[in-house]
N, C-alpha and C. Protein backbone atom coordinates (compact mmCIF):
# COMPACT_ATOMS: atom_id res chain seq x y z
N MET A 1 83.16 8.25 143.39
CA MET A 1 81.89 8.04 144.07
C MET A 1 81.41 6.61 143.90
N ILE A 2 81.59 6.02 142.72
CA ILE A 2 81.14 4.65 142.49
C ILE A 2 81.91 3.69 143.38
N ALA A 3 83.23 3.86 143.52
CA ALA A 3 84.02 2.97 144.36
C ALA A 3 83.58 3.06 145.81
N VAL A 4 83.31 4.25 146.30
CA VAL A 4 82.83 4.42 147.68
C VAL A 4 81.48 3.77 147.84
N THR A 5 80.60 3.95 146.87
CA THR A 5 79.27 3.34 146.91
C THR A 5 79.38 1.83 146.96
N LEU A 6 80.24 1.25 146.13
CA LEU A 6 80.39 -0.20 146.12
C LEU A 6 80.97 -0.71 147.43
N LEU A 7 81.94 -0.01 148.00
CA LEU A 7 82.54 -0.41 149.26
C LEU A 7 81.49 -0.38 150.37
N LEU A 8 80.70 0.69 150.44
CA LEU A 8 79.65 0.78 151.44
C LEU A 8 78.61 -0.31 151.25
N ALA A 9 78.29 -0.62 150.00
CA ALA A 9 77.28 -1.64 149.72
C ALA A 9 77.73 -3.02 150.19
N ILE A 10 79.02 -3.26 150.16
CA ILE A 10 79.54 -4.55 150.61
C ILE A 10 79.45 -4.68 152.12
N THR A 11 79.64 -3.58 152.85
CA THR A 11 79.68 -3.65 154.31
C THR A 11 78.34 -3.39 154.99
N GLU A 12 77.34 -2.93 154.26
CA GLU A 12 76.04 -2.61 154.86
C GLU A 12 75.06 -3.77 154.72
N PRO A 13 74.12 -3.86 155.67
CA PRO A 13 73.10 -4.90 155.57
C PRO A 13 72.07 -4.57 154.49
N GLU A 14 71.39 -5.61 153.99
CA GLU A 14 70.22 -5.39 153.13
C GLU A 14 69.16 -4.77 154.01
N PRO A 15 68.27 -3.91 153.57
CA PRO A 15 68.13 -3.43 152.20
C PRO A 15 68.96 -2.19 151.91
N ILE A 16 69.75 -1.73 152.89
CA ILE A 16 70.52 -0.49 152.70
C ILE A 16 71.53 -0.63 151.57
N ALA A 17 72.23 -1.74 151.51
CA ALA A 17 73.26 -1.92 150.48
C ALA A 17 72.66 -1.87 149.08
N GLN A 18 71.58 -2.61 148.86
CA GLN A 18 70.96 -2.59 147.54
C GLN A 18 70.37 -1.22 147.23
N SER A 19 69.77 -0.59 148.22
CA SER A 19 69.20 0.75 148.01
C SER A 19 70.27 1.75 147.63
N ARG A 20 71.45 1.63 148.24
CA ARG A 20 72.54 2.55 147.91
C ARG A 20 72.93 2.39 146.44
N LEU A 21 72.98 1.17 145.95
CA LEU A 21 73.30 0.94 144.53
C LEU A 21 72.18 1.45 143.63
N ASP A 22 70.93 1.19 144.02
CA ASP A 22 69.78 1.65 143.23
C ASP A 22 69.75 3.17 143.15
N ILE A 23 69.96 3.83 144.29
CA ILE A 23 69.91 5.30 144.32
C ILE A 23 71.07 5.90 143.53
N ALA A 24 72.23 5.27 143.61
CA ALA A 24 73.37 5.75 142.81
C ALA A 24 73.02 5.71 141.33
N GLN A 25 72.33 4.66 140.89
CA GLN A 25 71.93 4.55 139.49
C GLN A 25 70.89 5.61 139.13
N ILE A 26 69.93 5.84 140.03
CA ILE A 26 68.90 6.86 139.79
C ILE A 26 69.54 8.24 139.63
N VAL A 27 70.46 8.56 140.53
CA VAL A 27 71.14 9.86 140.46
C VAL A 27 71.94 9.96 139.16
N ALA A 28 72.62 8.90 138.78
CA ALA A 28 73.39 8.92 137.53
C ALA A 28 72.46 9.08 136.32
N ASP A 29 71.34 8.35 136.31
CA ASP A 29 70.40 8.44 135.19
C ASP A 29 69.83 9.84 135.02
N LEU A 30 69.60 10.53 136.14
CA LEU A 30 68.89 11.81 136.11
C LEU A 30 69.80 13.03 136.30
N THR A 31 71.10 12.83 136.23
CA THR A 31 72.03 13.96 136.27
C THR A 31 72.44 14.26 134.83
N PHE A 32 71.91 15.35 134.32
CA PHE A 32 72.14 15.74 132.94
C PHE A 32 73.26 16.77 132.88
N PRO A 33 73.84 16.99 131.69
CA PRO A 33 74.91 18.00 131.56
C PRO A 33 74.45 19.34 132.14
N GLY A 34 75.35 19.96 132.90
CA GLY A 34 75.05 21.22 133.56
C GLY A 34 74.55 21.04 134.99
N MET A 35 74.42 19.79 135.43
CA MET A 35 73.95 19.53 136.79
C MET A 35 75.06 18.96 137.64
N GLU A 36 74.97 19.20 138.93
CA GLU A 36 75.82 18.50 139.90
C GLU A 36 74.95 18.19 141.11
N VAL A 37 75.02 16.95 141.54
CA VAL A 37 74.21 16.51 142.67
C VAL A 37 75.05 15.57 143.53
N THR A 38 75.11 15.87 144.81
CA THR A 38 75.67 14.92 145.77
C THR A 38 74.48 14.29 146.49
N TRP A 39 74.70 13.15 147.08
CA TRP A 39 73.59 12.48 147.75
C TRP A 39 74.10 11.58 148.87
N GLU A 40 73.18 11.22 149.75
CA GLU A 40 73.52 10.30 150.83
C GLU A 40 72.26 9.64 151.37
N ILE A 41 72.47 8.50 151.99
CA ILE A 41 71.45 7.87 152.82
C ILE A 41 71.87 8.20 154.25
N ALA A 42 70.99 8.89 154.98
CA ALA A 42 71.35 9.37 156.32
C ALA A 42 70.21 9.15 157.30
N LYS A 43 70.55 8.98 158.56
CA LYS A 43 69.54 8.93 159.62
C LYS A 43 68.94 10.32 159.76
N CYS A 44 67.61 10.39 159.71
CA CYS A 44 66.91 11.68 159.77
C CYS A 44 65.93 11.76 160.93
N GLY A 45 65.58 10.62 161.52
CA GLY A 45 64.57 10.61 162.56
C GLY A 45 63.16 10.60 161.99
N GLN A 46 63.03 10.43 160.68
CA GLN A 46 61.71 10.37 160.05
C GLN A 46 61.80 9.61 158.72
N VAL A 47 60.67 9.14 158.25
CA VAL A 47 60.59 8.46 156.95
C VAL A 47 60.40 9.56 155.91
N ASN A 48 61.49 9.88 155.17
CA ASN A 48 61.44 11.03 154.28
C ASN A 48 62.61 11.00 153.30
N ALA A 49 62.56 11.88 152.33
CA ALA A 49 63.66 12.18 151.42
C ALA A 49 63.49 13.63 151.03
N TYR A 50 64.58 14.31 150.74
CA TYR A 50 64.46 15.72 150.37
C TYR A 50 65.69 16.16 149.58
N TYR A 51 65.47 17.22 148.79
CA TYR A 51 66.54 17.82 148.00
C TYR A 51 66.82 19.21 148.57
N GLN A 52 68.09 19.52 148.78
CA GLN A 52 68.51 20.82 149.28
C GLN A 52 69.09 21.62 148.11
N PRO A 53 68.28 22.53 147.52
CA PRO A 53 68.71 23.23 146.30
C PRO A 53 70.00 24.03 146.45
N LYS A 54 70.17 24.73 147.56
CA LYS A 54 71.37 25.56 147.72
C LYS A 54 72.63 24.72 147.79
N LEU A 55 72.52 23.53 148.36
CA LEU A 55 73.67 22.63 148.47
C LEU A 55 73.77 21.66 147.29
N LYS A 56 72.71 21.61 146.48
CA LYS A 56 72.63 20.64 145.38
C LYS A 56 72.84 19.23 145.92
N HIS A 57 72.09 18.94 146.99
CA HIS A 57 72.31 17.71 147.75
C HIS A 57 70.98 16.99 147.99
N LEU A 58 70.98 15.70 147.72
CA LEU A 58 69.82 14.84 147.92
C LEU A 58 70.05 13.98 149.16
N VAL A 59 69.06 13.95 150.05
CA VAL A 59 69.12 13.09 151.23
C VAL A 59 67.95 12.11 151.17
N VAL A 60 68.26 10.84 151.23
CA VAL A 60 67.25 9.80 151.38
C VAL A 60 67.43 9.27 152.80
N CYS A 61 66.40 9.43 153.60
CA CYS A 61 66.51 9.03 155.00
C CYS A 61 66.58 7.51 155.12
N ARG A 62 67.49 7.06 155.96
CA ARG A 62 67.66 5.63 156.19
C ARG A 62 66.35 5.01 156.67
N GLU A 63 65.59 5.77 157.42
CA GLU A 63 64.31 5.28 157.92
C GLU A 63 63.35 4.96 156.77
N LEU A 64 63.42 5.74 155.68
CA LEU A 64 62.60 5.47 154.50
C LEU A 64 63.06 4.19 153.81
N VAL A 65 64.36 4.02 153.66
CA VAL A 65 64.91 2.82 153.03
C VAL A 65 64.51 1.58 153.84
N GLU A 66 64.60 1.68 155.16
CA GLU A 66 64.23 0.55 156.01
C GLU A 66 62.73 0.28 155.98
N TYR A 67 61.93 1.33 155.85
CA TYR A 67 60.48 1.20 155.79
C TYR A 67 60.05 0.56 154.47
N SER A 68 60.64 1.03 153.36
CA SER A 68 60.23 0.54 152.05
C SER A 68 61.28 0.89 150.99
N PRO A 69 62.08 -0.09 150.56
CA PRO A 69 63.07 0.20 149.51
C PRO A 69 62.44 0.71 148.21
N TRP A 70 61.28 0.20 147.84
CA TRP A 70 60.65 0.66 146.59
C TRP A 70 60.15 2.09 146.72
N LEU A 71 59.65 2.47 147.90
CA LEU A 71 59.23 3.86 148.10
C LEU A 71 60.45 4.78 148.15
N ALA A 72 61.57 4.27 148.66
CA ALA A 72 62.81 5.05 148.68
C ALA A 72 63.30 5.32 147.26
N ARG A 73 63.18 4.32 146.37
CA ARG A 73 63.59 4.54 144.97
C ARG A 73 62.70 5.61 144.32
N PHE A 74 61.39 5.51 144.55
CA PHE A 74 60.49 6.54 144.02
C PHE A 74 60.87 7.91 144.56
N ALA A 75 61.08 8.01 145.87
CA ALA A 75 61.39 9.30 146.50
C ALA A 75 62.70 9.87 145.96
N ALA A 76 63.71 9.03 145.78
CA ALA A 76 64.99 9.51 145.23
C ALA A 76 64.79 10.07 143.82
N ALA A 77 64.02 9.36 143.00
CA ALA A 77 63.77 9.83 141.64
C ALA A 77 62.93 11.11 141.66
N HIS A 78 61.95 11.17 142.56
CA HIS A 78 61.12 12.38 142.71
C HIS A 78 61.99 13.58 143.10
N GLU A 79 62.86 13.40 144.08
CA GLU A 79 63.71 14.51 144.52
C GLU A 79 64.71 14.91 143.44
N MET A 80 65.15 13.95 142.64
CA MET A 80 66.00 14.29 141.49
C MET A 80 65.21 15.13 140.48
N GLY A 81 63.91 14.91 140.41
CA GLY A 81 63.07 15.77 139.58
C GLY A 81 63.16 17.22 140.02
N HIS A 82 63.14 17.44 141.34
CA HIS A 82 63.31 18.81 141.85
C HIS A 82 64.68 19.35 141.45
N ALA A 83 65.71 18.52 141.56
CA ALA A 83 67.06 18.95 141.18
C ALA A 83 67.10 19.35 139.71
N MET A 84 66.46 18.56 138.86
CA MET A 84 66.45 18.87 137.43
C MET A 84 65.73 20.18 137.14
N VAL A 85 64.54 20.34 137.73
CA VAL A 85 63.77 21.57 137.50
C VAL A 85 64.58 22.78 137.94
N ARG A 86 65.20 22.70 139.10
CA ARG A 86 65.94 23.86 139.65
C ARG A 86 67.25 24.11 138.90
N GLN A 87 68.04 23.06 138.72
CA GLN A 87 69.36 23.27 138.14
C GLN A 87 69.34 23.52 136.64
N LEU A 88 68.39 22.91 135.94
CA LEU A 88 68.32 23.10 134.50
C LEU A 88 67.33 24.20 134.11
N ASP A 89 66.72 24.80 135.14
CA ASP A 89 65.74 25.86 134.92
C ASP A 89 64.69 25.43 133.90
N LEU A 90 64.14 24.23 134.12
CA LEU A 90 63.17 23.67 133.19
C LEU A 90 61.82 24.38 133.30
N PRO A 91 61.23 24.66 132.18
CA PRO A 91 59.90 25.28 132.21
C PRO A 91 58.85 24.22 132.55
N ILE A 92 58.09 24.46 133.60
CA ILE A 92 57.02 23.54 133.96
C ILE A 92 55.73 24.33 134.05
N THR A 93 54.66 23.66 133.78
CA THR A 93 53.35 24.28 133.97
C THR A 93 52.69 23.55 135.12
N GLY A 94 52.13 24.27 136.04
CA GLY A 94 51.49 23.63 137.18
C GLY A 94 52.44 23.45 138.34
N MET A 95 52.14 22.45 139.14
CA MET A 95 52.88 22.23 140.39
C MET A 95 54.23 21.55 140.14
N GLU A 96 55.26 22.07 140.79
CA GLU A 96 56.58 21.43 140.68
C GLU A 96 56.54 20.02 141.22
N GLU A 97 55.71 19.78 142.24
CA GLU A 97 55.60 18.44 142.81
C GLU A 97 55.10 17.42 141.78
N MET A 98 54.18 17.84 140.95
CA MET A 98 53.67 16.93 139.92
C MET A 98 54.74 16.68 138.86
N ALA A 99 55.52 17.73 138.52
CA ALA A 99 56.61 17.55 137.57
C ALA A 99 57.64 16.58 138.13
N ALA A 100 57.94 16.68 139.42
CA ALA A 100 58.90 15.77 140.06
C ALA A 100 58.37 14.34 140.04
N ASP A 101 57.06 14.17 140.24
CA ASP A 101 56.46 12.84 140.14
C ASP A 101 56.59 12.28 138.73
N GLU A 102 56.44 13.15 137.72
CA GLU A 102 56.60 12.70 136.33
C GLU A 102 58.03 12.24 136.07
N VAL A 103 59.00 12.96 136.61
CA VAL A 103 60.40 12.55 136.45
C VAL A 103 60.62 11.19 137.11
N ALA A 104 60.03 11.00 138.29
CA ALA A 104 60.15 9.71 138.98
C ALA A 104 59.56 8.60 138.13
N ALA A 105 58.41 8.85 137.53
CA ALA A 105 57.77 7.84 136.67
C ALA A 105 58.66 7.54 135.46
N LEU A 106 59.24 8.58 134.87
CA LEU A 106 60.14 8.41 133.73
C LEU A 106 61.32 7.53 134.12
N GLU A 107 61.92 7.82 135.27
CA GLU A 107 63.06 7.02 135.74
C GLU A 107 62.66 5.57 135.99
N LEU A 108 61.59 5.37 136.73
CA LEU A 108 61.23 4.01 137.16
C LEU A 108 60.72 3.15 136.01
N CYS A 109 59.97 3.74 135.08
CA CYS A 109 59.34 2.95 134.02
C CYS A 109 60.07 2.97 132.69
N ILE A 110 60.88 3.98 132.44
CA ILE A 110 61.54 4.09 131.14
C ILE A 110 63.05 3.87 131.25
N PHE A 111 63.71 4.54 132.19
CA PHE A 111 65.16 4.44 132.30
C PHE A 111 65.62 3.19 133.05
N SER A 112 64.76 2.60 133.88
CA SER A 112 65.16 1.44 134.68
C SER A 112 64.08 0.37 134.63
N ASP A 113 64.30 -0.69 135.36
CA ASP A 113 63.35 -1.80 135.39
C ASP A 113 62.56 -1.84 136.69
N HIS A 114 62.22 -0.68 137.21
CA HIS A 114 61.51 -0.60 138.49
C HIS A 114 60.10 -0.05 138.34
N CYS A 115 59.43 -0.37 137.23
CA CYS A 115 58.12 0.20 136.98
C CYS A 115 57.09 -0.24 138.04
N MET A 116 57.23 -1.43 138.59
CA MET A 116 56.30 -1.86 139.64
C MET A 116 56.40 -0.96 140.87
N ASP A 117 57.55 -0.33 141.07
CA ASP A 117 57.68 0.64 142.17
C ASP A 117 56.68 1.78 142.00
N LEU A 118 56.45 2.19 140.76
CA LEU A 118 55.51 3.27 140.50
C LEU A 118 54.09 2.81 140.81
N ALA A 119 53.73 1.60 140.41
CA ALA A 119 52.40 1.07 140.71
C ALA A 119 52.19 0.95 142.22
N ARG A 120 53.20 0.44 142.92
CA ARG A 120 53.10 0.33 144.39
C ARG A 120 52.97 1.69 145.05
N THR A 121 53.74 2.67 144.54
CA THR A 121 53.68 4.02 145.09
C THR A 121 52.31 4.64 144.84
N ALA A 122 51.77 4.43 143.65
CA ALA A 122 50.43 4.94 143.33
C ALA A 122 49.41 4.37 144.31
N ASP A 123 49.48 3.07 144.54
CA ASP A 123 48.56 2.43 145.47
C ASP A 123 48.77 2.95 146.89
N TYR A 124 50.02 3.12 147.27
CA TYR A 124 50.36 3.63 148.61
C TYR A 124 49.71 5.00 148.84
N PHE A 125 49.90 5.92 147.91
CA PHE A 125 49.33 7.26 148.07
C PHE A 125 47.81 7.24 148.00
N TYR A 126 47.26 6.44 147.09
CA TYR A 126 45.81 6.39 146.95
C TYR A 126 45.14 5.92 148.23
N THR A 127 45.75 4.93 148.89
CA THR A 127 45.13 4.39 150.11
C THR A 127 45.39 5.25 151.34
N LEU A 128 46.38 6.15 151.29
CA LEU A 128 46.60 7.06 152.42
C LEU A 128 45.41 8.00 152.57
N ASP A 129 44.96 8.52 151.45
CA ASP A 129 43.78 9.38 151.39
C ASP A 129 43.82 10.55 152.37
N GLY A 130 45.00 11.18 152.50
CA GLY A 130 45.09 12.38 153.32
C GLY A 130 44.52 13.58 152.59
N GLU A 131 44.11 14.57 153.32
CA GLU A 131 43.51 15.74 152.69
C GLU A 131 44.58 16.68 152.13
N GLU A 132 44.20 17.49 151.16
CA GLU A 132 45.11 18.47 150.58
C GLU A 132 45.18 19.67 151.52
N LEU A 133 46.38 19.99 151.95
CA LEU A 133 46.57 21.08 152.90
C LEU A 133 47.07 22.32 152.16
N PRO A 134 46.54 23.49 152.48
CA PRO A 134 46.93 24.71 151.76
C PRO A 134 48.43 25.01 151.80
N ALA A 135 49.09 24.71 152.90
CA ALA A 135 50.52 25.03 153.03
C ALA A 135 51.42 23.95 152.42
N ASP A 136 50.86 22.80 152.05
CA ASP A 136 51.64 21.70 151.50
C ASP A 136 51.67 21.81 149.98
N PRO A 137 52.87 21.85 149.38
CA PRO A 137 52.96 21.98 147.92
C PRO A 137 52.55 20.70 147.18
N HIS A 138 52.41 19.58 147.90
CA HIS A 138 52.03 18.31 147.27
C HIS A 138 50.51 18.27 147.06
N PRO A 139 50.08 17.58 146.01
CA PRO A 139 48.64 17.37 145.85
C PRO A 139 48.14 16.40 146.94
N SER A 140 46.83 16.25 147.05
CA SER A 140 46.30 15.31 148.03
C SER A 140 46.82 13.90 147.71
N ASP A 141 46.87 13.05 148.72
CA ASP A 141 47.37 11.69 148.52
C ASP A 141 46.57 10.95 147.45
N ARG A 142 45.24 11.05 147.51
CA ARG A 142 44.40 10.34 146.54
C ARG A 142 44.66 10.86 145.13
N ARG A 143 44.71 12.17 144.98
CA ARG A 143 44.97 12.76 143.66
C ARG A 143 46.33 12.31 143.14
N ARG A 144 47.30 12.31 144.01
CA ARG A 144 48.66 11.89 143.63
C ARG A 144 48.66 10.42 143.22
N GLY A 145 47.96 9.59 143.97
CA GLY A 145 47.87 8.17 143.64
C GLY A 145 47.25 7.93 142.28
N ILE A 146 46.17 8.65 141.98
CA ILE A 146 45.50 8.51 140.69
C ILE A 146 46.42 8.95 139.55
N THR A 147 47.12 10.06 139.74
CA THR A 147 48.03 10.56 138.71
C THR A 147 49.18 9.59 138.48
N LEU A 148 49.75 9.05 139.56
CA LEU A 148 50.85 8.10 139.41
C LEU A 148 50.39 6.82 138.72
N MET A 149 49.18 6.36 139.02
CA MET A 149 48.67 5.16 138.35
C MET A 149 48.46 5.42 136.86
N ARG A 150 47.98 6.62 136.53
CA ARG A 150 47.83 6.97 135.11
C ARG A 150 49.18 6.92 134.41
N LEU A 151 50.21 7.45 135.07
CA LEU A 151 51.56 7.43 134.48
C LEU A 151 52.10 6.01 134.37
N TYR A 152 51.76 5.16 135.33
CA TYR A 152 52.18 3.75 135.28
C TYR A 152 51.52 3.05 134.09
N LEU A 153 50.22 3.29 133.91
CA LEU A 153 49.48 2.60 132.86
C LEU A 153 49.86 3.07 131.46
N ASP A 154 50.28 4.33 131.33
CA ASP A 154 50.66 4.86 130.02
C ASP A 154 51.79 5.88 130.15
N PRO A 155 53.03 5.40 130.24
CA PRO A 155 54.16 6.34 130.38
C PRO A 155 54.60 6.99 129.06
N ALA A 156 54.00 6.62 127.94
CA ALA A 156 54.43 7.13 126.64
C ALA A 156 54.43 8.66 126.56
N PRO A 157 53.41 9.36 127.09
CA PRO A 157 53.46 10.83 127.03
C PRO A 157 54.67 11.42 127.76
N LEU A 158 55.15 10.72 128.79
CA LEU A 158 56.34 11.20 129.49
C LEU A 158 57.55 11.21 128.58
N VAL A 159 57.69 10.14 127.82
CA VAL A 159 58.84 10.04 126.90
C VAL A 159 58.78 11.18 125.90
N HIS A 160 57.60 11.44 125.36
CA HIS A 160 57.46 12.50 124.38
C HIS A 160 57.77 13.87 124.98
N THR A 161 57.11 14.20 126.09
CA THR A 161 57.26 15.53 126.69
C THR A 161 58.65 15.74 127.27
N TRP A 162 59.06 14.87 128.19
CA TRP A 162 60.34 15.04 128.85
C TRP A 162 61.50 14.75 127.90
N GLY A 163 61.31 13.83 126.99
CA GLY A 163 62.35 13.53 126.01
C GLY A 163 62.71 14.75 125.17
N ARG A 164 61.68 15.46 124.71
CA ARG A 164 61.93 16.68 123.95
C ARG A 164 62.56 17.75 124.80
N LEU A 165 62.08 17.88 126.03
CA LEU A 165 62.59 18.92 126.93
C LEU A 165 64.05 18.70 127.28
N LEU A 166 64.43 17.44 127.47
CA LEU A 166 65.78 17.12 127.91
C LEU A 166 66.70 16.66 126.77
N GLY A 167 66.17 16.55 125.58
CA GLY A 167 66.97 16.12 124.46
C GLY A 167 67.33 14.63 124.52
N ILE A 168 66.44 13.84 125.08
CA ILE A 168 66.67 12.39 125.19
C ILE A 168 66.27 11.75 123.87
N THR A 169 67.19 11.00 123.29
CA THR A 169 66.88 10.37 122.01
C THR A 169 66.68 8.87 122.13
N GLY A 170 67.29 8.23 123.07
CA GLY A 170 67.13 6.78 123.22
C GLY A 170 66.88 6.40 124.65
N VAL A 171 65.98 5.49 124.88
CA VAL A 171 65.69 5.01 126.23
C VAL A 171 65.72 3.48 126.22
N LYS A 172 65.81 2.92 127.43
CA LYS A 172 65.83 1.46 127.58
C LYS A 172 64.50 0.87 127.18
């Protein structure tokens, strides 16, 4: 998979090539023993990313990568959070969407050097200010933005909670 990723990265234009390398690293960082995840950057006709639990497959839409590479990194890490919760049968309290956001924050601020992506994402959601819809499992945009900014400002509780849950002993 790494050789294919590197070959594609050489032949693709920026920002797709760099995003492919970044997402490969995110998937590697967040694939724990007992998990299997395939992934791709694909044309979807929308700015989105999603995890398909039955296929154990992550899709990051090319439109999202072209719109915002930093938002694509957040979305990939968020969707890997769903993969972790489902495949490792992790106990979560509250909304799975919030747990997936916590995993994204852990990846961006602790496992990698993309912590500013979390701050940008927090600002992005806060300024969207969409209403919370009953059928949508995500919290309101403003609530999500505030929560992500809190995680950006103090990621230490993530290390404690998720570190114990996943058996992580050392981080970057």
